[in-house]
Amino acid sequence: MKLEMPANSSVYVLFGAGGHAAVVYDALLSRGLTLCGVFDQDLAKNTFFNLPVQHHYRADSWTEALCLVAIGHNATRQHWASQIAHSFGGVVHDRAYVSPLATLGEGTVVMAQASIQARAQIGRHVILNTACVVEHDCQVADFAHIAPGTVLGGGVKIGAGTLLGANATVLAGLSIGHNCIIGAGSVVTQSIPSGWIAYGVPAHLIRENV
């Protein structure tokens, strides 16, 4: 596994204190990594497990730590990643498999039981969620989210900012463009152009994702 990110650090901060952040934290714990701080602008979130939540991002806080943007929504994650001055890390859960021949970009998280196979190329700030399968030679672009249980056949290409819902399947060799949403449980049997919502078995175009 090639990590396109700064040298490993044992200390992290999270931007985000919601449900997705809890799963990211679990991945950090599985690797024996330390969470030293949490940012979240939601004033209703005052603590994250045993840590106080800082409601305003500060570039001069925990400057030695690597940051993960722990927000599930792709566009929101992309927005905040552009605002953060910390270096970005990444984390692969101890119970995930990532081929040593795969590449992961900075900020990417790989959850428990996920399987990422040889020559897969994963971009920056991607979520590879619980028990998803990314087969050989797949390309997943920046800020995409591959939801729990989703299966990408060999050589699939996923565009930037695209969401594949839980338990979706994409047949080998197909492409899904950027900023698409593929509904949970869908089976994609033909390539999907950018900017569309599609679902069904087989998946069909529903409307533009505006």
N, C-alpha and C. Protein backbone atom coordinates (compact mmCIF):
# COMPACT_ATOMS: atom_id res chain seq x y z
N MET A 1 0.85 -1.19 0.00
CA MET A 1 0.00 0.00 0.00
C MET A 1 0.88 1.24 0.00
N LYS A 2 0.72 2.09 -0.98
CA LYS A 2 1.44 3.35 -1.05
C LYS A 2 0.57 4.46 -0.51
N LEU A 3 1.07 5.17 0.51
CA LEU A 3 0.31 6.26 1.11
C LEU A 3 0.86 7.58 0.60
N GLU A 4 0.05 8.32 -0.13
CA GLU A 4 0.46 9.63 -0.64
C GLU A 4 0.09 10.70 0.38
N MET A 5 0.78 10.70 1.51
CA MET A 5 0.47 11.61 2.60
C MET A 5 1.74 11.81 3.41
N PRO A 6 1.73 12.77 4.37
CA PRO A 6 2.93 13.02 5.15
C PRO A 6 3.36 11.81 5.95
N ALA A 7 4.57 11.84 6.47
CA ALA A 7 5.09 10.76 7.30
C ALA A 7 4.12 10.46 8.43
N ASN A 8 4.04 9.19 8.80
CA ASN A 8 3.09 8.77 9.81
C ASN A 8 3.27 9.53 11.11
N SER A 9 2.18 9.89 11.73
CA SER A 9 2.18 10.49 13.06
C SER A 9 1.26 9.66 13.93
N SER A 10 1.54 9.63 15.21
CA SER A 10 0.68 8.90 16.14
C SER A 10 -0.38 9.79 16.75
N VAL A 11 -0.39 11.08 16.38
CA VAL A 11 -1.30 12.05 17.00
C VAL A 11 -2.17 12.68 15.92
N TYR A 12 -3.47 12.71 16.18
CA TYR A 12 -4.44 13.20 15.19
C TYR A 12 -5.41 14.18 15.82
N VAL A 13 -5.97 15.04 14.96
CA VAL A 13 -7.15 15.82 15.29
C VAL A 13 -8.22 15.52 14.24
N LEU A 14 -9.47 15.65 14.65
CA LEU A 14 -10.59 15.46 13.74
C LEU A 14 -11.30 16.79 13.53
N PHE A 15 -11.74 17.01 12.30
CA PHE A 15 -12.70 18.08 12.04
C PHE A 15 -14.03 17.38 11.79
N GLY A 16 -14.93 17.50 12.75
CA GLY A 16 -16.20 16.78 12.74
C GLY A 16 -16.35 15.97 14.00
N ALA A 17 -17.57 15.99 14.56
CA ALA A 17 -17.82 15.28 15.82
C ALA A 17 -19.13 14.51 15.77
N GLY A 18 -19.54 14.11 14.57
CA GLY A 18 -20.79 13.37 14.41
C GLY A 18 -20.58 11.87 14.34
N GLY A 19 -21.57 11.18 13.74
CA GLY A 19 -21.52 9.74 13.67
C GLY A 19 -20.36 9.21 12.84
N HIS A 20 -20.10 9.83 11.69
CA HIS A 20 -18.96 9.39 10.88
C HIS A 20 -17.66 9.58 11.64
N ALA A 21 -17.54 10.68 12.38
CA ALA A 21 -16.33 10.92 13.17
C ALA A 21 -16.10 9.81 14.19
N ALA A 22 -17.17 9.28 14.76
CA ALA A 22 -17.03 8.19 15.73
C ALA A 22 -16.41 6.96 15.08
N VAL A 23 -16.80 6.68 13.82
CA VAL A 23 -16.25 5.52 13.12
C VAL A 23 -14.79 5.77 12.75
N VAL A 24 -14.46 6.99 12.36
CA VAL A 24 -13.06 7.34 12.10
C VAL A 24 -12.23 7.17 13.37
N TYR A 25 -12.77 7.62 14.49
CA TYR A 25 -12.07 7.48 15.76
C TYR A 25 -11.82 6.01 16.08
N ASP A 26 -12.82 5.16 15.82
CA ASP A 26 -12.65 3.73 16.04
C ASP A 26 -11.48 3.19 15.21
N ALA A 27 -11.36 3.65 13.96
CA ALA A 27 -10.23 3.22 13.13
C ALA A 27 -8.90 3.69 13.72
N LEU A 28 -8.85 4.92 14.22
CA LEU A 28 -7.63 5.40 14.87
C LEU A 28 -7.28 4.53 16.07
N LEU A 29 -8.27 4.23 16.90
CA LEU A 29 -8.02 3.40 18.08
C LEU A 29 -7.50 2.03 17.70
N SER A 30 -8.03 1.47 16.60
CA SER A 30 -7.61 0.13 16.18
C SER A 30 -6.13 0.09 15.83
N ARG A 31 -5.57 1.25 15.46
CA ARG A 31 -4.16 1.35 15.10
C ARG A 31 -3.30 1.88 16.24
N GLY A 32 -3.89 2.08 17.41
CA GLY A 32 -3.14 2.58 18.55
C GLY A 32 -2.75 4.04 18.41
N LEU A 33 -3.52 4.80 17.61
CA LEU A 33 -3.23 6.22 17.40
C LEU A 33 -3.99 7.08 18.40
N THR A 34 -3.46 8.25 18.67
CA THR A 34 -4.01 9.13 19.70
C THR A 34 -4.81 10.27 19.08
N LEU A 35 -6.01 10.49 19.59
CA LEU A 35 -6.80 11.66 19.21
C LEU A 35 -6.62 12.71 20.28
N CYS A 36 -6.08 13.88 19.89
CA CYS A 36 -5.78 14.90 20.88
C CYS A 36 -6.75 16.08 20.83
N GLY A 37 -7.54 16.21 19.75
CA GLY A 37 -8.44 17.34 19.66
C GLY A 37 -9.51 17.14 18.61
N VAL A 38 -10.62 17.88 18.77
CA VAL A 38 -11.76 17.77 17.86
C VAL A 38 -12.31 19.17 17.60
N PHE A 39 -12.55 19.47 16.32
CA PHE A 39 -13.22 20.71 15.91
C PHE A 39 -14.59 20.38 15.34
N ASP A 40 -15.59 21.19 15.65
CA ASP A 40 -16.90 21.08 15.02
C ASP A 40 -17.65 22.37 15.29
N GLN A 41 -18.18 22.99 14.24
CA GLN A 41 -18.86 24.28 14.41
C GLN A 41 -20.26 24.16 15.00
N ASP A 42 -20.77 22.96 15.13
CA ASP A 42 -22.10 22.75 15.71
C ASP A 42 -22.04 23.02 17.22
N LEU A 43 -22.67 24.09 17.66
CA LEU A 43 -22.60 24.49 19.06
C LEU A 43 -23.28 23.49 19.99
N ALA A 44 -24.11 22.60 19.45
CA ALA A 44 -24.77 21.59 20.27
C ALA A 44 -23.83 20.45 20.63
N LYS A 45 -22.70 20.37 19.95
CA LYS A 45 -21.74 19.29 20.22
C LYS A 45 -20.62 19.83 21.10
N ASN A 46 -20.70 19.49 22.37
CA ASN A 46 -19.74 20.02 23.33
C ASN A 46 -18.65 19.04 23.70
N THR A 47 -18.94 17.76 23.61
CA THR A 47 -17.92 16.76 23.90
C THR A 47 -17.97 15.67 22.83
N PHE A 48 -16.83 15.06 22.62
CA PHE A 48 -16.69 13.93 21.71
C PHE A 48 -15.98 12.85 22.49
N PHE A 49 -16.76 11.86 22.94
CA PHE A 49 -16.26 10.88 23.89
C PHE A 49 -15.68 11.64 25.09
N ASN A 50 -14.41 11.54 25.38
CA ASN A 50 -13.89 12.23 26.59
C ASN A 50 -13.20 13.55 26.26
N LEU A 51 -13.36 14.05 25.03
CA LEU A 51 -12.66 15.27 24.64
C LEU A 51 -13.63 16.43 24.47
N PRO A 52 -13.23 17.63 24.87
CA PRO A 52 -14.06 18.81 24.57
C PRO A 52 -13.98 19.14 23.09
N VAL A 53 -15.09 19.63 22.54
CA VAL A 53 -15.14 20.02 21.13
C VAL A 53 -14.85 21.51 21.02
N GLN A 54 -13.90 21.86 20.15
CA GLN A 54 -13.60 23.26 19.87
C GLN A 54 -14.50 23.72 18.72
N HIS A 55 -15.26 24.78 18.94
CA HIS A 55 -16.26 25.19 17.96
C HIS A 55 -15.73 26.10 16.86
N HIS A 56 -14.47 26.48 16.96
CA HIS A 56 -13.85 27.29 15.91
C HIS A 56 -12.51 26.66 15.56
N TYR A 57 -12.31 26.43 14.27
CA TYR A 57 -11.04 25.85 13.84
C TYR A 57 -9.91 26.84 14.08
N ARG A 58 -8.80 26.32 14.63
CA ARG A 58 -7.61 27.13 14.88
C ARG A 58 -6.40 26.40 14.31
N ALA A 59 -5.73 27.05 13.37
CA ALA A 59 -4.56 26.45 12.76
C ALA A 59 -3.40 26.31 13.74
N ASP A 60 -3.42 27.11 14.82
CA ASP A 60 -2.32 27.08 15.78
C ASP A 60 -2.58 26.14 16.95
N SER A 61 -3.64 25.34 16.88
CA SER A 61 -3.91 24.34 17.90
C SER A 61 -3.41 22.97 17.45
N TRP A 62 -2.72 22.28 18.33
CA TRP A 62 -2.22 20.92 18.04
C TRP A 62 -1.48 20.87 16.70
N THR A 63 -0.52 21.77 16.55
CA THR A 63 0.15 21.90 15.27
C THR A 63 0.97 20.67 14.89
N GLU A 64 1.30 19.83 15.87
CA GLU A 64 2.08 18.63 15.56
C GLU A 64 1.22 17.49 15.04
N ALA A 65 -0.10 17.65 15.14
CA ALA A 65 -1.02 16.56 14.79
C ALA A 65 -1.38 16.57 13.30
N LEU A 66 -1.69 15.40 12.78
CA LEU A 66 -2.30 15.28 11.46
C LEU A 66 -3.81 15.39 11.61
N CYS A 67 -4.47 15.87 10.57
CA CYS A 67 -5.91 16.10 10.62
C CYS A 67 -6.64 15.16 9.67
N LEU A 68 -7.83 14.74 10.09
CA LEU A 68 -8.78 14.04 9.23
C LEU A 68 -10.09 14.80 9.25
N VAL A 69 -10.64 15.07 8.07
CA VAL A 69 -11.95 15.73 7.99
C VAL A 69 -13.00 14.63 8.08
N ALA A 70 -13.57 14.49 9.27
CA ALA A 70 -14.45 13.36 9.58
C ALA A 70 -15.91 13.73 9.36
N ILE A 71 -16.23 14.04 8.12
CA ILE A 71 -17.58 14.46 7.72
C ILE A 71 -18.01 13.58 6.56
N GLY A 72 -19.17 12.94 6.69
CA GLY A 72 -19.61 11.99 5.68
C GLY A 72 -20.08 12.62 4.38
N HIS A 73 -20.67 13.81 4.45
CA HIS A 73 -21.21 14.46 3.26
C HIS A 73 -20.07 14.96 2.39
N ASN A 74 -20.05 14.53 1.13
CA ASN A 74 -18.88 14.78 0.28
C ASN A 74 -18.58 16.26 0.06
N ALA A 75 -19.59 17.05 -0.30
CA ALA A 75 -19.35 18.46 -0.60
C ALA A 75 -18.91 19.21 0.64
N THR A 76 -19.49 18.88 1.79
CA THR A 76 -19.10 19.54 3.04
C THR A 76 -17.69 19.16 3.43
N ARG A 77 -17.33 17.90 3.24
CA ARG A 77 -15.96 17.47 3.52
C ARG A 77 -14.97 18.20 2.62
N GLN A 78 -15.32 18.36 1.35
CA GLN A 78 -14.44 19.07 0.43
C GLN A 78 -14.28 20.53 0.82
N HIS A 79 -15.38 21.17 1.23
CA HIS A 79 -15.31 22.57 1.64
C HIS A 79 -14.34 22.76 2.79
N TRP A 80 -14.49 21.93 3.84
CA TRP A 80 -13.66 22.14 5.01
C TRP A 80 -12.22 21.72 4.77
N ALA A 81 -12.00 20.74 3.94
CA ALA A 81 -10.62 20.36 3.63
C ALA A 81 -9.85 21.52 3.01
N SER A 82 -10.56 22.37 2.26
CA SER A 82 -9.90 23.52 1.63
C SER A 82 -9.61 24.64 2.63
N GLN A 83 -10.19 24.57 3.84
CA GLN A 83 -10.03 25.63 4.84
C GLN A 83 -8.99 25.30 5.90
N ILE A 84 -8.51 24.07 5.92
CA ILE A 84 -7.69 23.58 7.03
C ILE A 84 -6.22 23.71 6.71
N ALA A 85 -5.46 24.23 7.68
CA ALA A 85 -4.03 24.44 7.49
C ALA A 85 -3.19 23.26 7.98
N HIS A 86 -3.75 22.41 8.84
CA HIS A 86 -3.01 21.24 9.30
C HIS A 86 -2.65 20.33 8.13
N SER A 87 -1.58 19.58 8.27
CA SER A 87 -1.30 18.50 7.33
C SER A 87 -2.34 17.40 7.51
N PHE A 88 -2.69 16.75 6.42
CA PHE A 88 -3.67 15.68 6.48
C PHE A 88 -2.99 14.33 6.60
N GLY A 89 -3.60 13.49 7.42
CA GLY A 89 -3.17 12.11 7.52
C GLY A 89 -4.14 11.21 6.80
N GLY A 90 -4.19 9.98 7.23
CA GLY A 90 -5.12 8.99 6.73
C GLY A 90 -5.12 7.83 7.71
N VAL A 91 -6.12 6.97 7.61
CA VAL A 91 -6.13 5.82 8.52
C VAL A 91 -6.80 4.64 7.84
N VAL A 92 -6.23 3.47 8.07
CA VAL A 92 -6.77 2.20 7.61
C VAL A 92 -7.06 1.36 8.85
N HIS A 93 -8.31 1.00 9.06
CA HIS A 93 -8.68 0.20 10.23
C HIS A 93 -7.86 -1.08 10.26
N ASP A 94 -7.51 -1.48 11.45
CA ASP A 94 -6.70 -2.69 11.63
C ASP A 94 -7.35 -3.94 11.04
N ARG A 95 -8.67 -3.94 10.91
CA ARG A 95 -9.37 -5.11 10.36
C ARG A 95 -9.81 -4.90 8.90
N ALA A 96 -9.19 -3.96 8.22
CA ALA A 96 -9.37 -3.79 6.78
C ALA A 96 -8.19 -4.42 6.05
N TYR A 97 -8.39 -4.72 4.76
CA TYR A 97 -7.28 -5.19 3.92
C TYR A 97 -7.05 -4.18 2.81
N VAL A 98 -5.83 -3.70 2.71
CA VAL A 98 -5.43 -2.85 1.60
C VAL A 98 -4.20 -3.48 0.97
N SER A 99 -4.29 -3.81 -0.31
CA SER A 99 -3.16 -4.42 -1.01
C SER A 99 -1.94 -3.51 -0.96
N PRO A 100 -0.76 -4.10 -0.80
CA PRO A 100 0.46 -3.28 -0.88
C PRO A 100 0.68 -2.68 -2.26
N LEU A 101 -0.11 -3.11 -3.23
CA LEU A 101 0.00 -2.58 -4.59
C LEU A 101 -1.06 -1.52 -4.88
N ALA A 102 -1.83 -1.13 -3.88
CA ALA A 102 -2.83 -0.07 -4.01
C ALA A 102 -2.24 1.26 -3.56
N THR A 103 -2.89 2.36 -3.96
CA THR A 103 -2.45 3.70 -3.59
C THR A 103 -3.60 4.45 -2.92
N LEU A 104 -3.31 5.08 -1.79
CA LEU A 104 -4.30 5.87 -1.06
C LEU A 104 -3.83 7.31 -0.97
N GLY A 105 -4.71 8.28 -1.28
CA GLY A 105 -4.38 9.69 -1.14
C GLY A 105 -4.55 10.18 0.29
N GLU A 106 -4.03 11.38 0.54
CA GLU A 106 -4.10 11.95 1.88
C GLU A 106 -5.55 12.18 2.28
N GLY A 107 -5.80 12.03 3.58
CA GLY A 107 -7.13 12.28 4.11
C GLY A 107 -8.10 11.14 3.95
N THR A 108 -7.70 10.07 3.28
CA THR A 108 -8.59 8.95 3.02
C THR A 108 -8.69 8.04 4.23
N VAL A 109 -9.90 7.51 4.47
CA VAL A 109 -10.13 6.60 5.59
C VAL A 109 -10.70 5.29 5.05
N VAL A 110 -10.22 4.19 5.61
CA VAL A 110 -10.64 2.84 5.22
C VAL A 110 -11.17 2.15 6.47
N MET A 111 -12.44 1.77 6.45
CA MET A 111 -13.10 1.26 7.65
C MET A 111 -12.96 -0.25 7.77
N ALA A 112 -13.42 -0.77 8.89
CA ALA A 112 -13.28 -2.19 9.21
C ALA A 112 -13.90 -3.07 8.12
N GLN A 113 -13.20 -4.15 7.81
CA GLN A 113 -13.64 -5.19 6.88
C GLN A 113 -13.68 -4.75 5.42
N ALA A 114 -13.25 -3.54 5.13
CA ALA A 114 -13.12 -3.13 3.73
C ALA A 114 -11.97 -3.91 3.09
N SER A 115 -12.07 -4.11 1.76
CA SER A 115 -11.06 -4.85 1.02
C SER A 115 -10.70 -4.06 -0.24
N ILE A 116 -9.44 -3.63 -0.32
CA ILE A 116 -8.97 -2.80 -1.42
C ILE A 116 -7.87 -3.58 -2.14
N GLN A 117 -8.10 -3.89 -3.39
CA GLN A 117 -7.24 -4.85 -4.08
C GLN A 117 -6.15 -4.19 -4.92
N ALA A 118 -5.34 -5.03 -5.53
CA ALA A 118 -4.11 -4.61 -6.22
C ALA A 118 -4.39 -3.58 -7.30
N ARG A 119 -3.53 -2.59 -7.35
CA ARG A 119 -3.51 -1.51 -8.36
C ARG A 119 -4.73 -0.59 -8.27
N ALA A 120 -5.51 -0.72 -7.22
CA ALA A 120 -6.55 0.29 -6.98
C ALA A 120 -5.89 1.62 -6.69
N GLN A 121 -6.45 2.68 -7.26
CA GLN A 121 -5.93 4.04 -7.05
C GLN A 121 -7.04 4.86 -6.39
N ILE A 122 -6.81 5.23 -5.15
CA ILE A 122 -7.80 5.94 -4.34
C ILE A 122 -7.32 7.36 -4.14
N GLY A 123 -8.18 8.33 -4.40
CA GLY A 123 -7.80 9.73 -4.31
C GLY A 123 -7.75 10.27 -2.89
N ARG A 124 -7.86 11.58 -2.79
CA ARG A 124 -7.74 12.29 -1.51
C ARG A 124 -9.11 12.39 -0.83
N HIS A 125 -9.10 12.25 0.49
CA HIS A 125 -10.29 12.46 1.32
C HIS A 125 -11.46 11.57 0.89
N VAL A 126 -11.15 10.36 0.50
CA VAL A 126 -12.15 9.38 0.13
C VAL A 126 -12.58 8.59 1.38
N ILE A 127 -13.85 8.22 1.43
CA ILE A 127 -14.35 7.32 2.47
C ILE A 127 -14.58 5.96 1.84
N LEU A 128 -13.83 4.96 2.31
CA LEU A 128 -14.05 3.56 1.93
C LEU A 128 -14.66 2.90 3.15
N ASN A 129 -15.97 2.79 3.15
CA ASN A 129 -16.70 2.49 4.37
C ASN A 129 -16.75 0.98 4.66
N THR A 130 -17.39 0.66 5.76
CA THR A 130 -17.37 -0.68 6.33
C THR A 130 -17.72 -1.76 5.31
N ALA A 131 -16.82 -2.74 5.18
CA ALA A 131 -17.05 -3.96 4.39
C ALA A 131 -17.27 -3.69 2.90
N CYS A 132 -16.83 -2.54 2.40
CA CYS A 132 -16.90 -2.33 0.95
C CYS A 132 -15.77 -3.11 0.28
N VAL A 133 -15.94 -3.38 -1.02
CA VAL A 133 -14.93 -4.08 -1.82
C VAL A 133 -14.58 -3.22 -3.02
N VAL A 134 -13.30 -2.89 -3.16
CA VAL A 134 -12.79 -2.15 -4.31
C VAL A 134 -11.80 -3.08 -5.00
N GLU A 135 -12.21 -3.61 -6.13
CA GLU A 135 -11.42 -4.64 -6.79
C GLU A 135 -10.23 -4.05 -7.55
N HIS A 136 -9.45 -4.94 -8.14
CA HIS A 136 -8.21 -4.59 -8.83
C HIS A 136 -8.44 -3.51 -9.89
N ASP A 137 -7.50 -2.60 -9.98
CA ASP A 137 -7.43 -1.59 -11.04
C ASP A 137 -8.56 -0.56 -11.00
N CYS A 138 -9.30 -0.49 -9.90
CA CYS A 138 -10.31 0.56 -9.77
C CYS A 138 -9.64 1.92 -9.55
N GLN A 139 -10.34 2.96 -9.95
CA GLN A 139 -9.91 4.33 -9.69
C GLN A 139 -11.06 5.08 -9.01
N VAL A 140 -10.79 5.57 -7.82
CA VAL A 140 -11.80 6.31 -7.05
C VAL A 140 -11.25 7.71 -6.82
N ALA A 141 -11.91 8.72 -7.36
CA ALA A 141 -11.39 10.08 -7.33
C ALA A 141 -11.66 10.77 -5.99
N ASP A 142 -11.09 11.96 -5.84
CA ASP A 142 -11.13 12.72 -4.59
C ASP A 142 -12.57 12.92 -4.09
N PHE A 143 -12.71 12.86 -2.77
CA PHE A 143 -13.95 13.22 -2.06
C PHE A 143 -15.13 12.31 -2.42
N ALA A 144 -14.86 11.14 -2.94
CA ALA A 144 -15.93 10.16 -3.15
C ALA A 144 -16.21 9.42 -1.85
N HIS A 145 -17.36 8.76 -1.80
CA HIS A 145 -17.76 7.97 -0.62
C HIS A 145 -18.32 6.64 -1.13
N ILE A 146 -17.63 5.56 -0.78
CA ILE A 146 -18.06 4.21 -1.11
C ILE A 146 -18.67 3.64 0.16
N ALA A 147 -19.99 3.53 0.19
CA ALA A 147 -20.72 3.26 1.43
C ALA A 147 -20.59 1.79 1.85
N PRO A 148 -21.05 1.46 3.07
CA PRO A 148 -20.91 0.09 3.58
C PRO A 148 -21.49 -0.96 2.64
N GLY A 149 -20.71 -2.02 2.44
CA GLY A 149 -21.17 -3.15 1.67
C GLY A 149 -21.15 -2.99 0.17
N THR A 150 -20.72 -1.86 -0.34
CA THR A 150 -20.69 -1.63 -1.78
C THR A 150 -19.56 -2.43 -2.43
N VAL A 151 -19.81 -2.91 -3.64
CA VAL A 151 -18.81 -3.70 -4.38
C VAL A 151 -18.54 -3.04 -5.72
N LEU A 152 -17.26 -2.74 -5.96
CA LEU A 152 -16.81 -2.24 -7.26
C LEU A 152 -16.05 -3.35 -7.96
N GLY A 153 -16.53 -3.79 -9.12
CA GLY A 153 -15.81 -4.80 -9.89
C GLY A 153 -14.50 -4.26 -10.44
N GLY A 154 -13.70 -5.14 -10.99
CA GLY A 154 -12.38 -4.75 -11.47
C GLY A 154 -12.44 -3.64 -12.51
N GLY A 155 -11.53 -2.68 -12.38
CA GLY A 155 -11.39 -1.62 -13.37
C GLY A 155 -12.46 -0.55 -13.37
N VAL A 156 -13.29 -0.50 -12.34
CA VAL A 156 -14.33 0.53 -12.25
C VAL A 156 -13.69 1.90 -11.97
N LYS A 157 -14.26 2.95 -12.56
CA LYS A 157 -13.81 4.31 -12.32
C LYS A 157 -14.95 5.11 -11.69
N ILE A 158 -14.65 5.77 -10.55
CA ILE A 158 -15.63 6.57 -9.82
C ILE A 158 -15.14 8.01 -9.80
N GLY A 159 -15.98 8.96 -10.20
CA GLY A 159 -15.60 10.35 -10.28
C GLY A 159 -15.59 11.06 -8.94
N ALA A 160 -15.01 12.25 -8.94
CA ALA A 160 -14.87 13.04 -7.72
C ALA A 160 -16.23 13.41 -7.15
N GLY A 161 -16.35 13.31 -5.82
CA GLY A 161 -17.55 13.73 -5.12
C GLY A 161 -18.74 12.82 -5.26
N THR A 162 -18.56 11.65 -5.84
CA THR A 162 -19.68 10.72 -6.06
C THR A 162 -19.92 9.87 -4.82
N LEU A 163 -21.20 9.60 -4.56
CA LEU A 163 -21.62 8.74 -3.45
C LEU A 163 -22.25 7.48 -4.01
N LEU A 164 -21.74 6.33 -3.58
CA LEU A 164 -22.38 5.05 -3.87
C LEU A 164 -23.02 4.55 -2.58
N GLY A 165 -24.35 4.41 -2.59
CA GLY A 165 -25.09 4.03 -1.40
C GLY A 165 -24.79 2.61 -0.96
N ALA A 166 -25.21 2.30 0.26
CA ALA A 166 -24.91 1.01 0.88
C ALA A 166 -25.35 -0.15 0.00
N ASN A 167 -24.46 -1.14 -0.11
CA ASN A 167 -24.74 -2.40 -0.81
C ASN A 167 -24.99 -2.23 -2.31
N ALA A 168 -24.56 -1.13 -2.88
CA ALA A 168 -24.60 -0.99 -4.34
C ALA A 168 -23.53 -1.88 -4.96
N THR A 169 -23.75 -2.25 -6.22
CA THR A 169 -22.77 -3.04 -6.98
C THR A 169 -22.56 -2.37 -8.32
N VAL A 170 -21.29 -2.24 -8.72
CA VAL A 170 -20.94 -1.68 -10.02
C VAL A 170 -20.16 -2.75 -10.78
N LEU A 171 -20.67 -3.15 -11.93
CA LEU A 171 -20.03 -4.21 -12.70
C LEU A 171 -18.68 -3.77 -13.25
N ALA A 172 -17.83 -4.75 -13.47
CA ALA A 172 -16.45 -4.51 -13.87
C ALA A 172 -16.36 -3.65 -15.13
N GLY A 173 -15.40 -2.74 -15.12
CA GLY A 173 -15.07 -1.96 -16.30
C GLY A 173 -15.92 -0.74 -16.54
N LEU A 174 -16.94 -0.50 -15.70
CA LEU A 174 -17.83 0.64 -15.91
C LEU A 174 -17.27 1.90 -15.27
N SER A 175 -17.84 3.04 -15.68
CA SER A 175 -17.45 4.33 -15.12
C SER A 175 -18.68 5.05 -14.58
N ILE A 176 -18.51 5.73 -13.46
CA ILE A 176 -19.52 6.62 -12.91
C ILE A 176 -18.87 7.99 -12.79
N GLY A 177 -19.50 9.00 -13.34
CA GLY A 177 -18.90 10.33 -13.39
C GLY A 177 -18.83 11.01 -12.04
N HIS A 178 -18.46 12.29 -12.05
CA HIS A 178 -18.33 13.03 -10.80
C HIS A 178 -19.70 13.54 -10.33
N ASN A 179 -19.79 13.76 -9.01
CA ASN A 179 -20.98 14.31 -8.36
C ASN A 179 -22.25 13.53 -8.69
N CYS A 180 -22.14 12.22 -8.70
CA CYS A 180 -23.30 11.35 -8.86
C CYS A 180 -23.73 10.80 -7.51
N ILE A 181 -24.98 10.35 -7.44
CA ILE A 181 -25.48 9.59 -6.30
C ILE A 181 -26.08 8.30 -6.86
N ILE A 182 -25.58 7.17 -6.36
CA ILE A 182 -26.10 5.86 -6.75
C ILE A 182 -26.83 5.30 -5.53
N GLY A 183 -28.11 5.02 -5.69
CA GLY A 183 -28.95 4.61 -4.56
C GLY A 183 -28.52 3.30 -3.93
N ALA A 184 -28.84 3.15 -2.66
CA ALA A 184 -28.52 1.93 -1.92
C ALA A 184 -29.13 0.71 -2.59
N GLY A 185 -28.34 -0.35 -2.66
CA GLY A 185 -28.82 -1.60 -3.23
C GLY A 185 -28.88 -1.66 -4.74
N SER A 186 -28.48 -0.60 -5.40
CA SER A 186 -28.55 -0.57 -6.87
C SER A 186 -27.50 -1.49 -7.49
N VAL A 187 -27.79 -1.93 -8.71
CA VAL A 187 -26.82 -2.68 -9.50
C VAL A 187 -26.57 -1.89 -10.78
N VAL A 188 -25.37 -1.37 -10.92
CA VAL A 188 -25.01 -0.54 -12.06
C VAL A 188 -24.48 -1.44 -13.17
N THR A 189 -25.21 -1.49 -14.29
CA THR A 189 -24.86 -2.38 -15.40
C THR A 189 -24.40 -1.61 -16.64
N GLN A 190 -24.44 -0.28 -16.57
CA GLN A 190 -23.91 0.54 -17.66
C GLN A 190 -23.35 1.82 -17.05
N SER A 191 -22.41 2.43 -17.73
CA SER A 191 -21.75 3.61 -17.20
C SER A 191 -22.74 4.74 -17.00
N ILE A 192 -22.46 5.58 -15.97
CA ILE A 192 -23.34 6.69 -15.58
C ILE A 192 -22.60 8.00 -15.83
N PRO A 193 -23.19 8.94 -16.57
CA PRO A 193 -22.51 10.22 -16.79
C PRO A 193 -22.47 11.07 -15.53
N SER A 194 -21.63 12.08 -15.54
CA SER A 194 -21.48 12.96 -14.38
C SER A 194 -22.78 13.69 -14.06
N GLY A 195 -22.99 13.94 -12.74
CA GLY A 195 -24.05 14.81 -12.30
C GLY A 195 -25.44 14.20 -12.28
N TRP A 196 -25.53 12.87 -12.14
CA TRP A 196 -26.84 12.23 -12.14
C TRP A 196 -27.09 11.43 -10.87
N ILE A 197 -28.37 11.34 -10.50
CA ILE A 197 -28.83 10.41 -9.47
C ILE A 197 -29.41 9.19 -10.19
N ALA A 198 -28.97 8.02 -9.79
CA ALA A 198 -29.43 6.78 -10.42
C ALA A 198 -29.66 5.74 -9.34
N TYR A 199 -30.68 4.91 -9.55
CA TYR A 199 -30.87 3.77 -8.66
C TYR A 199 -31.75 2.73 -9.33
N GLY A 200 -31.77 1.54 -8.71
CA GLY A 200 -32.59 0.45 -9.21
C GLY A 200 -31.74 -0.76 -9.58
N VAL A 201 -32.44 -1.84 -9.94
CA VAL A 201 -31.80 -3.08 -10.37
C VAL A 201 -32.42 -3.49 -11.71
N PRO A 202 -31.78 -3.15 -12.84
CA PRO A 202 -30.52 -2.40 -12.92
C PRO A 202 -30.74 -0.91 -12.66
N ALA A 203 -29.66 -0.21 -12.33
CA ALA A 203 -29.76 1.22 -12.05
C ALA A 203 -30.11 1.99 -13.32
N HIS A 204 -30.99 2.98 -13.19
CA HIS A 204 -31.33 3.84 -14.31
C HIS A 204 -31.31 5.29 -13.84
N LEU A 205 -31.11 6.20 -14.77
CA LEU A 205 -31.03 7.63 -14.44
C LEU A 205 -32.38 8.13 -13.97
N ILE A 206 -32.38 8.86 -12.83
CA ILE A 206 -33.59 9.39 -12.25
C ILE A 206 -33.73 10.89 -12.54
N ARG A 207 -32.74 11.63 -12.16
CA ARG A 207 -32.74 13.07 -12.40
C ARG A 207 -31.33 13.60 -12.21
N GLU A 208 -31.09 14.81 -12.66
CA GLU A 208 -29.79 15.42 -12.46
C GLU A 208 -29.60 15.78 -10.99
N ASN A 209 -28.38 15.67 -10.53
CA ASN A 209 -28.04 15.96 -9.14
C ASN A 209 -27.64 17.43 -9.03
N VAL A 210 -28.66 18.27 -8.84
CA VAL A 210 -28.43 19.72 -8.78
C VAL A 210 -28.66 20.24 -7.38
